[in-house]
Amino acid sequence: MDLATFNALSPADAAATVRPCADVDSWVDAVVSGRPFACRDKLLLHAMRAAADWTAADIDAALADHPRIGERAAGDSTAARLARTEQPTAAEATAARIAESNAAYEARFGRIFLVRAAGRTAEQILDNLTERLGNDPATEALVTAEQLRQIALLRLETIVEENTPAPAVAP
């Protein structure tokens, strides 16, 4: 949708548009209440600043809507469709190693592994997962929060486009 349309939505419809990016109530409310935005860069900057103070509870709530890395999101929701386009396809051996590492991560940290998968290969994701298994819990919480912020902003950028210029009118 273009930015002008997003700016004109009712608060409920704007919240429904933003929520698939990150299911964090305070963030959704901050983005919606910041409208109207003069340009998409202002929207993204506002969204980034609003995400800076996410709590551990905010992160946990948002993770509840994310599929495990390597698993395809089910359903027809916007969040599921976005998740399916973000994760690369992995070769069978890499997929098996990701699944094993996911299990180790969940046992160590008590939550799913989250990484901004868009633009990364399955091998890069596996390397990131393996590296992050060495983090202490406090460091990993910070890394997870940053990954969630990146995902939220990428999704918001995908959903809301700049205003479409009006067609030129011939004299």
C-alpha atoms as a PDB file:
ATOM      1  CA  MET A   1       0.000   0.000   0.000  1.00  0.00           C
ATOM      2  CA  ASP A   2       1.269   3.496  -0.584  1.00  0.00           C
ATOM      3  CA  LEU A   3       2.102   5.850   2.252  1.00  0.00           C
ATOM      4  CA  ALA A   4      -0.857   8.157   1.606  1.00  0.00           C
ATOM      5  CA  THR A   5      -3.249   5.225   1.951  1.00  0.00           C
ATOM      6  CA  PHE A   6      -1.522   4.077   5.140  1.00  0.00           C
ATOM      7  CA  ASN A   7      -1.729   7.591   6.587  1.00  0.00           C
ATOM      8  CA  ALA A   8      -5.473   7.730   5.828  1.00  0.00           C
ATOM      9  CA  LEU A   9      -6.406   4.373   7.388  1.00  0.00           C
ATOM     10  CA  SER A  10      -8.500   4.235  10.524  1.00  0.00           C
ATOM     11  CA  PRO A  11      -6.412   3.511  13.626  1.00  0.00           C
ATOM     12  CA  ALA A  12      -7.716  -0.073  13.746  1.00  0.00           C
ATOM     13  CA  ASP A  13      -6.911  -0.711  10.079  1.00  0.00           C
ATOM     14  CA  ALA A  14      -3.475   0.895  10.424  1.00  0.00           C
ATOM     15  CA  ALA A  15      -2.756  -1.309  13.449  1.00  0.00           C
ATOM     16  CA  ALA A  16      -3.838  -4.384  11.483  1.00  0.00           C
ATOM     17  CA  THR A  17      -1.433  -3.324   8.728  1.00  0.00           C
ATOM     18  CA  VAL A  18       1.516  -2.829  11.096  1.00  0.00           C
ATOM     19  CA  ARG A  19       1.011  -5.776  13.475  1.00  0.00           C
ATOM     20  CA  PRO A  20       2.338  -8.476  11.068  1.00  0.00           C
ATOM     21  CA  CYS A  21       5.682  -6.662  11.118  1.00  0.00           C
ATOM     22  CA  ALA A  22       6.077  -7.200  14.877  1.00  0.00           C
ATOM     23  CA  ASP A  23       3.300  -8.181  17.254  1.00  0.00           C
ATOM     24  CA  VAL A  24       4.325  -5.731  19.977  1.00  0.00           C
ATOM     25  CA  ASP A  25       1.330  -3.696  21.172  1.00  0.00           C
ATOM     26  CA  SER A  26       3.271  -0.630  22.309  1.00  0.00           C
ATOM     27  CA  TRP A  27       5.205  -0.518  19.030  1.00  0.00           C
ATOM     28  CA  VAL A  28       2.090  -0.912  16.886  1.00  0.00           C
ATOM     29  CA  ASP A  29       0.396   1.860  18.880  1.00  0.00           C
ATOM     30  CA  ALA A  30       3.435   4.149  18.521  1.00  0.00           C
ATOM     31  CA  VAL A  31       3.656   3.643  14.764  1.00  0.00           C
ATOM     32  CA  VAL A  32      -0.068   4.178  14.258  1.00  0.00           C
ATOM     33  CA  SER A  33      -0.220   7.255  16.497  1.00  0.00           C
ATOM     34  CA  GLY A  34       2.761   8.810  14.697  1.00  0.00           C
ATOM     35  CA  ARG A  35       0.784   9.253  11.497  1.00  0.00           C
ATOM     36  CA  PRO A  36       0.651  11.054   9.187  1.00  0.00           C
ATOM     37  CA  PHE A  37       4.211  10.563   7.931  1.00  0.00           C
ATOM     38  CA  ALA A  38       5.604  12.931   5.299  1.00  0.00           C
ATOM     39  CA  CYS A  39       7.631  10.162   3.651  1.00  0.00           C
ATOM     40  CA  ARG A  40       8.410   6.503   4.150  1.00  0.00           C
ATOM     41  CA  ASP A  41      11.835   7.333   5.608  1.00  0.00           C
ATOM     42  CA  LYS A  42      10.077   9.262   8.411  1.00  0.00           C
ATOM     43  CA  LEU A  43       7.800   6.270   9.030  1.00  0.00           C
ATOM     44  CA  LEU A  44      10.759   3.881   9.211  1.00  0.00           C
ATOM     45  CA  LEU A  45      12.759   6.185  11.478  1.00  0.00           C
ATOM     46  CA  HIS A  46       9.762   6.564  13.801  1.00  0.00           C
ATOM     47  CA  ALA A  47       9.242   2.780  13.813  1.00  0.00           C
ATOM     48  CA  MET A  48      12.929   2.177  14.526  1.00  0.00           C
ATOM     49  CA  ARG A  49      12.917   4.591  17.459  1.00  0.00           C
ATOM     50  CA  ALA A  50       9.716   3.055  18.835  1.00  0.00           C
ATOM     51  CA  ALA A  51      11.357  -0.398  18.716  1.00  0.00           C
ATOM     52  CA  ALA A  52      14.429   0.727  20.666  1.00  0.00           C
ATOM     53  CA  ASP A  53      12.782   0.167  24.060  1.00  0.00           C
ATOM     54  CA  TRP A  54      11.280  -3.269  23.539  1.00  0.00           C
ATOM     55  CA  THR A  55      11.191  -5.286  26.740  1.00  0.00           C
ATOM     56  CA  ALA A  56      11.854  -8.991  27.173  1.00  0.00           C
ATOM     57  CA  ALA A  57       8.069  -9.497  27.355  1.00  0.00           C
ATOM     58  CA  ASP A  58       7.650  -7.604  24.045  1.00  0.00           C
ATOM     59  CA  ILE A  59      10.239  -9.854  22.404  1.00  0.00           C
ATOM     60  CA  ASP A  60       8.577 -12.998  23.761  1.00  0.00           C
ATOM     61  CA  ALA A  61       5.175 -11.849  22.494  1.00  0.00           C
ATOM     62  CA  ALA A  62       6.541 -11.128  19.037  1.00  0.00           C
ATOM     63  CA  LEU A  63       8.425 -14.440  18.864  1.00  0.00           C
ATOM     64  CA  ALA A  64       5.190 -16.321  19.483  1.00  0.00           C
ATOM     65  CA  ASP A  65       4.161 -15.405  15.920  1.00  0.00           C
ATOM     66  CA  HIS A  66       7.421 -16.435  14.228  1.00  0.00           C
ATOM     67  CA  PRO A  67       8.070 -19.855  12.734  1.00  0.00           C
ATOM     68  CA  ARG A  68      11.300 -21.641  13.550  1.00  0.00           C
ATOM     69  CA  ILE A  69      14.047 -20.873  11.096  1.00  0.00           C
ATOM     70  CA  GLY A  70      13.986 -23.588   8.476  1.00  0.00           C
ATOM     71  CA  GLU A  71      10.247 -24.197   8.886  1.00  0.00           C
ATOM     72  CA  ARG A  72       7.675 -22.672   6.580  1.00  0.00           C
ATOM     73  CA  ALA A  73       5.021 -20.546   8.218  1.00  0.00           C
ATOM     74  CA  ALA A  74       1.541 -21.977   7.840  1.00  0.00           C
ATOM     75  CA  GLY A  75      -1.633 -20.051   7.120  1.00  0.00           C
ATOM     76  CA  ASP A  76      -2.755 -17.128   5.028  1.00  0.00           C
ATOM     77  CA  SER A  77      -2.002 -14.299   7.452  1.00  0.00           C
ATOM     78  CA  THR A  78       0.162 -11.409   6.319  1.00  0.00           C
ATOM     79  CA  ALA A  79       2.811 -12.395   8.875  1.00  0.00           C
ATOM     80  CA  ALA A  80       2.892 -15.976   7.532  1.00  0.00           C
ATOM     81  CA  ARG A  81       3.146 -14.774   3.916  1.00  0.00           C
ATOM     82  CA  LEU A  82       5.984 -12.410   4.822  1.00  0.00           C
ATOM     83  CA  ALA A  83       7.825 -15.128   6.748  1.00  0.00           C
ATOM     84  CA  ARG A  84       7.599 -17.521   3.793  1.00  0.00           C
ATOM     85  CA  THR A  85       9.247 -14.975   1.489  1.00  0.00           C
ATOM     86  CA  GLU A  86      12.064 -14.223   3.945  1.00  0.00           C
ATOM     87  CA  GLN A  87      13.544 -17.682   4.515  1.00  0.00           C
ATOM     88  CA  PRO A  88      15.785 -19.285   1.903  1.00  0.00           C
ATOM     89  CA  THR A  89      15.452 -22.894   0.847  1.00  0.00           C
ATOM     90  CA  ALA A  90      18.130 -25.143   2.325  1.00  0.00           C
ATOM     91  CA  ALA A  91      19.745 -28.301   1.012  1.00  0.00           C
ATOM     92  CA  GLU A  92      18.694 -31.395   2.955  1.00  0.00           C
ATOM     93  CA  ALA A  93      21.958 -31.660   4.938  1.00  0.00           C
ATOM     94  CA  THR A  94      21.921 -27.954   5.819  1.00  0.00           C
ATOM     95  CA  ALA A  95      18.240 -28.127   6.778  1.00  0.00           C
ATOM     96  CA  ALA A  96      18.977 -31.058   9.094  1.00  0.00           C
ATOM     97  CA  ARG A  97      21.848 -29.154  10.756  1.00  0.00           C
ATOM     98  CA  ILE A  98      19.608 -26.103  11.177  1.00  0.00           C
ATOM     99  CA  ALA A  99      16.923 -28.261  12.809  1.00  0.00           C
ATOM    100  CA  GLU A 100      19.485 -29.790  15.188  1.00  0.00           C
ATOM    101  CA  SER A 101      20.919 -26.381  16.032  1.00  0.00           C
ATOM    102  CA  ASN A 102      17.404 -24.980  16.553  1.00  0.00           C
ATOM    103  CA  ALA A 103      16.787 -27.670  19.157  1.00  0.00           C
ATOM    104  CA  ALA A 104      20.086 -26.873  20.886  1.00  0.00           C
ATOM    105  CA  TYR A 105      19.273 -23.152  20.831  1.00  0.00           C
ATOM    106  CA  GLU A 106      15.803 -23.676  22.306  1.00  0.00           C
ATOM    107  CA  ALA A 107      17.247 -25.893  25.045  1.00  0.00           C
ATOM    108  CA  ARG A 108      19.898 -23.277  25.867  1.00  0.00           C
ATOM    109  CA  PHE A 109      17.838 -20.081  25.651  1.00  0.00           C
ATOM    110  CA  GLY A 110      14.226 -21.220  26.126  1.00  0.00           C
ATOM    111  CA  ARG A 111      12.896 -19.580  22.947  1.00  0.00           C
ATOM    112  CA  ILE A 112      13.089 -20.006  19.197  1.00  0.00           C
ATOM    113  CA  PHE A 113      16.124 -18.788  17.292  1.00  0.00           C
ATOM    114  CA  LEU A 114      15.345 -15.577  15.411  1.00  0.00           C
ATOM    115  CA  VAL A 115      17.433 -14.092  12.659  1.00  0.00           C
ATOM    116  CA  ARG A 116      16.727 -11.678   9.835  1.00  0.00           C
ATOM    117  CA  ALA A 117      16.707 -14.332   7.137  1.00  0.00           C
ATOM    118  CA  ALA A 118      15.965 -12.002   4.218  1.00  0.00           C
ATOM    119  CA  GLY A 119      19.057 -11.653   2.071  1.00  0.00           C
ATOM    120  CA  ARG A 120      20.889 -14.534   3.753  1.00  0.00           C
ATOM    121  CA  THR A 121      21.586 -18.022   2.486  1.00  0.00           C
ATOM    122  CA  ALA A 122      20.710 -21.095   4.517  1.00  0.00           C
ATOM    123  CA  GLU A 123      24.427 -21.638   5.122  1.00  0.00           C
ATOM    124  CA  GLN A 124      24.842 -18.080   6.451  1.00  0.00           C
ATOM    125  CA  ILE A 125      21.866 -18.616   8.751  1.00  0.00           C
ATOM    126  CA  LEU A 126      23.369 -21.871  10.024  1.00  0.00           C
ATOM    127  CA  ASP A 127      26.692 -20.107  10.653  1.00  0.00           C
ATOM    128  CA  ASN A 128      24.879 -17.339  12.550  1.00  0.00           C
ATOM    129  CA  LEU A 129      22.923 -19.871  14.601  1.00  0.00           C
ATOM    130  CA  THR A 130      26.081 -21.824  15.438  1.00  0.00           C
ATOM    131  CA  GLU A 131      27.909 -18.654  16.461  1.00  0.00           C
ATOM    132  CA  ARG A 132      25.040 -17.391  18.598  1.00  0.00           C
ATOM    133  CA  LEU A 133      24.858 -20.663  20.526  1.00  0.00           C
ATOM    134  CA  GLY A 134      28.082 -19.448  22.163  1.00  0.00           C
ATOM    135  CA  ASN A 135      26.460 -16.258  23.481  1.00  0.00           C
ATOM    136  CA  ASP A 136      25.580 -15.831  27.118  1.00  0.00           C
ATOM    137  CA  PRO A 137      21.828 -15.323  27.751  1.00  0.00           C
ATOM    138  CA  ALA A 138      22.071 -11.538  28.236  1.00  0.00           C
ATOM    139  CA  THR A 139      24.021 -11.036  25.007  1.00  0.00           C
ATOM    140  CA  GLU A 140      21.689 -13.314  23.106  1.00  0.00           C
ATOM    141  CA  ALA A 141      18.647 -11.397  24.356  1.00  0.00           C
ATOM    142  CA  LEU A 142      20.153  -8.206  22.906  1.00  0.00           C
ATOM    143  CA  VAL A 143      20.991  -9.902  19.606  1.00  0.00           C
ATOM    144  CA  THR A 144      17.486 -11.377  19.345  1.00  0.00           C
ATOM    145  CA  ALA A 145      15.903  -7.979  19.986  1.00  0.00           C
ATOM    146  CA  GLU A 146      18.041  -6.405  17.254  1.00  0.00           C
ATOM    147  CA  GLN A 147      17.139  -9.161  14.800  1.00  0.00           C
ATOM    148  CA  LEU A 148      13.448  -8.638  15.568  1.00  0.00           C
ATOM    149  CA  ARG A 149      13.819  -4.890  14.980  1.00  0.00           C
ATOM    150  CA  GLN A 150      15.464  -5.557  11.619  1.00  0.00           C
ATOM    151  CA  ILE A 151      12.687  -7.948  10.610  1.00  0.00           C
ATOM    152  CA  ALA A 152       9.985  -5.493  11.704  1.00  0.00           C
ATOM    153  CA  LEU A 153      11.483  -2.636   9.704  1.00  0.00           C
ATOM    154  CA  LEU A 154      12.031  -4.768   6.606  1.00  0.00           C
ATOM    155  CA  ARG A 155       8.436  -5.950   6.758  1.00  0.00           C
ATOM    156  CA  LEU A 156       7.123  -2.425   7.272  1.00  0.00           C
ATOM    157  CA  GLU A 157       9.193  -1.270   4.314  1.00  0.00           C
ATOM    158  CA  THR A 158       7.695  -4.088   2.233  1.00  0.00           C
ATOM    159  CA  ILE A 159       4.120  -3.279   3.244  1.00  0.00           C
ATOM    160  CA  VAL A 160       4.185   0.524   2.991  1.00  0.00           C
ATOM    161  CA  GLU A 161       5.553   2.053  -0.185  1.00  0.00           C
ATOM    162  CA  GLU A 162       6.248   5.680  -1.007  1.00  0.00           C
ATOM    163  CA  ASN A 163       3.323   7.618  -2.409  1.00  0.00           C
ATOM    164  CA  THR A 164       2.629   6.764  -6.005  1.00  0.00           C
ATOM    165  CA  PRO A 165       2.996   9.907  -8.089  1.00  0.00           C
ATOM    166  CA  ALA A 166      -0.121  11.077  -9.853  1.00  0.00           C
ATOM    167  CA  PRO A 167      -0.073  10.452 -13.614  1.00  0.00           C
ATOM    168  CA  ALA A 168       0.822  13.447 -15.719  1.00  0.00           C
ATOM    169  CA  VAL A 169      -2.162  15.134 -17.298  1.00  0.00           C
ATOM    170  CA  ALA A 170      -1.770  16.033 -20.931  1.00  0.00           C
ATOM    171  CA  PRO A 171      -2.544  19.709 -21.734  1.00  0.00           C
END
